[in-house]
Amino acid sequence: MPLAHRGGGPEPLWREVVGRRVRAVRRDRGERLADTAERAGISPQYLSEVERGRKDPSSEILAAVAGALGVSLREIVELAHADLARGAGARGPVLLAA
């Protein structure tokens, strides 16, 4: 059973919160997904999956994406942490494979 957070719903996954923040930073800068991915040295498909919370990027990949966006890894992490601290990003139940 997923853990509940202060908001009462299931707690969001780290990769989902980070992905939303990466997407928000990219869009705020008016960046195309393909351009950001190219500068980060990853495929646009992989970056899309990171932004949608489907992939859990390594710290190296996340640092490359942050650098491609002109922000620090610390900034991305702090934004995601702030979202988690205020309970933003709750989602539906998680089903884990047996």
C-alpha atoms as a PDB file:
ATOM      1  CA  MET A   1       0.000   0.000   0.000  1.00  0.00           C
ATOM      2  CA  PRO A   2       1.427   3.448  -0.934  1.00  0.00           C
ATOM      3  CA  LEU A   3       2.428   5.745   1.871  1.00  0.00           C
ATOM      4  CA  ALA A   4       0.115   8.682   2.521  1.00  0.00           C
ATOM      5  CA  HIS A   5       1.500  12.159   2.931  1.00  0.00           C
ATOM      6  CA  ARG A   6       0.161  15.145   4.818  1.00  0.00           C
ATOM      7  CA  GLY A   7      -2.309  15.931   2.046  1.00  0.00           C
ATOM      8  CA  GLY A   8      -3.918  12.555   2.664  1.00  0.00           C
ATOM      9  CA  GLY A   9      -3.317  11.044  -0.787  1.00  0.00           C
ATOM     10  CA  PRO A  10      -0.507   8.807  -1.932  1.00  0.00           C
ATOM     11  CA  GLU A  11       2.942  10.365  -1.874  1.00  0.00           C
ATOM     12  CA  PRO A  12       4.357  11.284  -5.298  1.00  0.00           C
ATOM     13  CA  LEU A  13       7.402   9.508  -6.644  1.00  0.00           C
ATOM     14  CA  TRP A  14      10.659  11.481  -6.741  1.00  0.00           C
ATOM     15  CA  ARG A  15      11.033  10.872 -10.492  1.00  0.00           C
ATOM     16  CA  GLU A  16       7.584  12.368 -11.142  1.00  0.00           C
ATOM     17  CA  VAL A  17       8.277  15.520  -9.152  1.00  0.00           C
ATOM     18  CA  VAL A  18      11.728  15.987 -10.680  1.00  0.00           C
ATOM     19  CA  GLY A  19      10.355  15.346 -14.160  1.00  0.00           C
ATOM     20  CA  ARG A  20       7.656  17.984 -13.751  1.00  0.00           C
ATOM     21  CA  ARG A  21      10.272  20.471 -12.566  1.00  0.00           C
ATOM     22  CA  VAL A  22      12.590  19.721 -15.489  1.00  0.00           C
ATOM     23  CA  ARG A  23       9.698  20.240 -17.903  1.00  0.00           C
ATOM     24  CA  ALA A  24       8.651  23.479 -16.198  1.00  0.00           C
ATOM     25  CA  VAL A  25      12.185  24.900 -16.342  1.00  0.00           C
ATOM     26  CA  ARG A  26      12.527  23.897 -20.005  1.00  0.00           C
ATOM     27  CA  ARG A  27       9.206  25.463 -20.947  1.00  0.00           C
ATOM     28  CA  ASP A  28       9.917  28.625 -18.928  1.00  0.00           C
ATOM     29  CA  ARG A  29      13.050  29.052 -21.031  1.00  0.00           C
ATOM     30  CA  GLY A  30      11.138  28.486 -24.256  1.00  0.00           C
ATOM     31  CA  GLU A  31      13.246  25.427 -25.043  1.00  0.00           C
ATOM     32  CA  ARG A  32      12.246  22.657 -27.402  1.00  0.00           C
ATOM     33  CA  LEU A  33      12.594  19.166 -25.972  1.00  0.00           C
ATOM     34  CA  ALA A  34      14.808  18.073 -28.886  1.00  0.00           C
ATOM     35  CA  ASP A  35      17.220  20.999 -28.411  1.00  0.00           C
ATOM     36  CA  THR A  36      17.575  20.428 -24.679  1.00  0.00           C
ATOM     37  CA  ALA A  37      18.078  16.693 -25.183  1.00  0.00           C
ATOM     38  CA  GLU A  38      20.750  17.277 -27.825  1.00  0.00           C
ATOM     39  CA  ARG A  39      22.727  19.619 -25.569  1.00  0.00           C
ATOM     40  CA  ALA A  40      22.396  17.128 -22.682  1.00  0.00           C
ATOM     41  CA  GLY A  41      23.613  14.259 -24.879  1.00  0.00           C
ATOM     42  CA  ILE A  42      20.456  12.160 -24.537  1.00  0.00           C
ATOM     43  CA  SER A  43      17.637  11.244 -26.885  1.00  0.00           C
ATOM     44  CA  PRO A  44      14.500  13.385 -27.012  1.00  0.00           C
ATOM     45  CA  GLN A  45      12.493  10.250 -26.223  1.00  0.00           C
ATOM     46  CA  TYR A  46      14.457   9.663 -23.034  1.00  0.00           C
ATOM     47  CA  LEU A  47      14.080  13.295 -21.935  1.00  0.00           C
ATOM     48  CA  SER A  48      10.345  13.060 -22.605  1.00  0.00           C
ATOM     49  CA  GLU A  49      10.112   9.968 -20.403  1.00  0.00           C
ATOM     50  CA  VAL A  50      12.083  11.732 -17.658  1.00  0.00           C
ATOM     51  CA  GLU A  51       9.746  14.735 -17.827  1.00  0.00           C
ATOM     52  CA  ARG A  52       6.694  12.484 -17.617  1.00  0.00           C
ATOM     53  CA  GLY A  53       8.099  10.666 -14.583  1.00  0.00           C
ATOM     54  CA  ARG A  54       8.443   7.363 -16.393  1.00  0.00           C
ATOM     55  CA  LYS A  55      12.233   7.142 -16.124  1.00  0.00           C
ATOM     56  CA  ASP A  56      14.343   7.664 -13.033  1.00  0.00           C
ATOM     57  CA  PRO A  57      17.434   9.432 -14.381  1.00  0.00           C
ATOM     58  CA  SER A  58      20.861   8.933 -12.874  1.00  0.00           C
ATOM     59  CA  SER A  59      22.459  11.909 -11.169  1.00  0.00           C
ATOM     60  CA  GLU A  60      24.768  12.254 -14.188  1.00  0.00           C
ATOM     61  CA  ILE A  61      21.846  12.460 -16.624  1.00  0.00           C
ATOM     62  CA  LEU A  62      19.966  14.881 -14.405  1.00  0.00           C
ATOM     63  CA  ALA A  63      23.077  17.070 -14.108  1.00  0.00           C
ATOM     64  CA  ALA A  64      23.492  17.020 -17.903  1.00  0.00           C
ATOM     65  CA  VAL A  65      19.863  18.054 -18.419  1.00  0.00           C
ATOM     66  CA  ALA A  66      20.135  20.800 -15.802  1.00  0.00           C
ATOM     67  CA  GLY A  67      23.321  22.059 -17.459  1.00  0.00           C
ATOM     68  CA  ALA A  68      21.641  22.010 -20.867  1.00  0.00           C
ATOM     69  CA  LEU A  69      18.916  24.204 -19.374  1.00  0.00           C
ATOM     70  CA  GLY A  70      21.431  26.590 -17.839  1.00  0.00           C
ATOM     71  CA  VAL A  71      20.539  25.756 -14.236  1.00  0.00           C
ATOM     72  CA  SER A  72      22.334  23.797 -11.559  1.00  0.00           C
ATOM     73  CA  LEU A  73      21.437  20.321 -10.429  1.00  0.00           C
ATOM     74  CA  ARG A  74      20.986  21.865  -7.003  1.00  0.00           C
ATOM     75  CA  GLU A  75      18.294  24.214  -8.348  1.00  0.00           C
ATOM     76  CA  ILE A  76      16.307  21.335  -9.876  1.00  0.00           C
ATOM     77  CA  VAL A  77      16.589  19.340  -6.643  1.00  0.00           C
ATOM     78  CA  GLU A  78      15.585  22.329  -4.493  1.00  0.00           C
ATOM     79  CA  LEU A  79      12.512  22.996  -6.656  1.00  0.00           C
ATOM     80  CA  ALA A  80      11.488  19.331  -6.471  1.00  0.00           C
ATOM     81  CA  HIS A  81      12.088  19.303  -2.719  1.00  0.00           C
ATOM     82  CA  ALA A  82       9.875  22.379  -2.303  1.00  0.00           C
ATOM     83  CA  ASP A  83       7.094  20.619  -4.233  1.00  0.00           C
ATOM     84  CA  LEU A  84       7.387  17.550  -2.010  1.00  0.00           C
ATOM     85  CA  ALA A  85       7.496  19.649   1.163  1.00  0.00           C
ATOM     86  CA  ARG A  86       4.224  21.354   0.328  1.00  0.00           C
ATOM     87  CA  GLY A  87       2.591  18.127  -0.825  1.00  0.00           C
ATOM     88  CA  ALA A  88       2.375  19.072  -4.494  1.00  0.00           C
ATOM     89  CA  GLY A  89       2.218  16.349  -7.065  1.00  0.00           C
ATOM     90  CA  ALA A  90       0.063  13.726  -5.400  1.00  0.00           C
ATOM     91  CA  ARG A  91      -0.975  11.009  -7.789  1.00  0.00           C
ATOM     92  CA  GLY A  92      -2.987   7.861  -7.919  1.00  0.00           C
ATOM     93  CA  PRO A  93      -2.070   4.494  -6.397  1.00  0.00           C
ATOM     94  CA  VAL A  94       1.118   2.694  -7.345  1.00  0.00           C
ATOM     95  CA  LEU A  95       1.033  -0.921  -8.410  1.00  0.00           C
ATOM     96  CA  LEU A  96       4.289  -2.791  -7.988  1.00  0.00           C
ATOM     97  CA  ALA A  97       5.093  -5.962  -9.858  1.00  0.00           C
ATOM     98  CA  ALA A  98       5.462  -9.061  -7.743  1.00  0.00           C
END
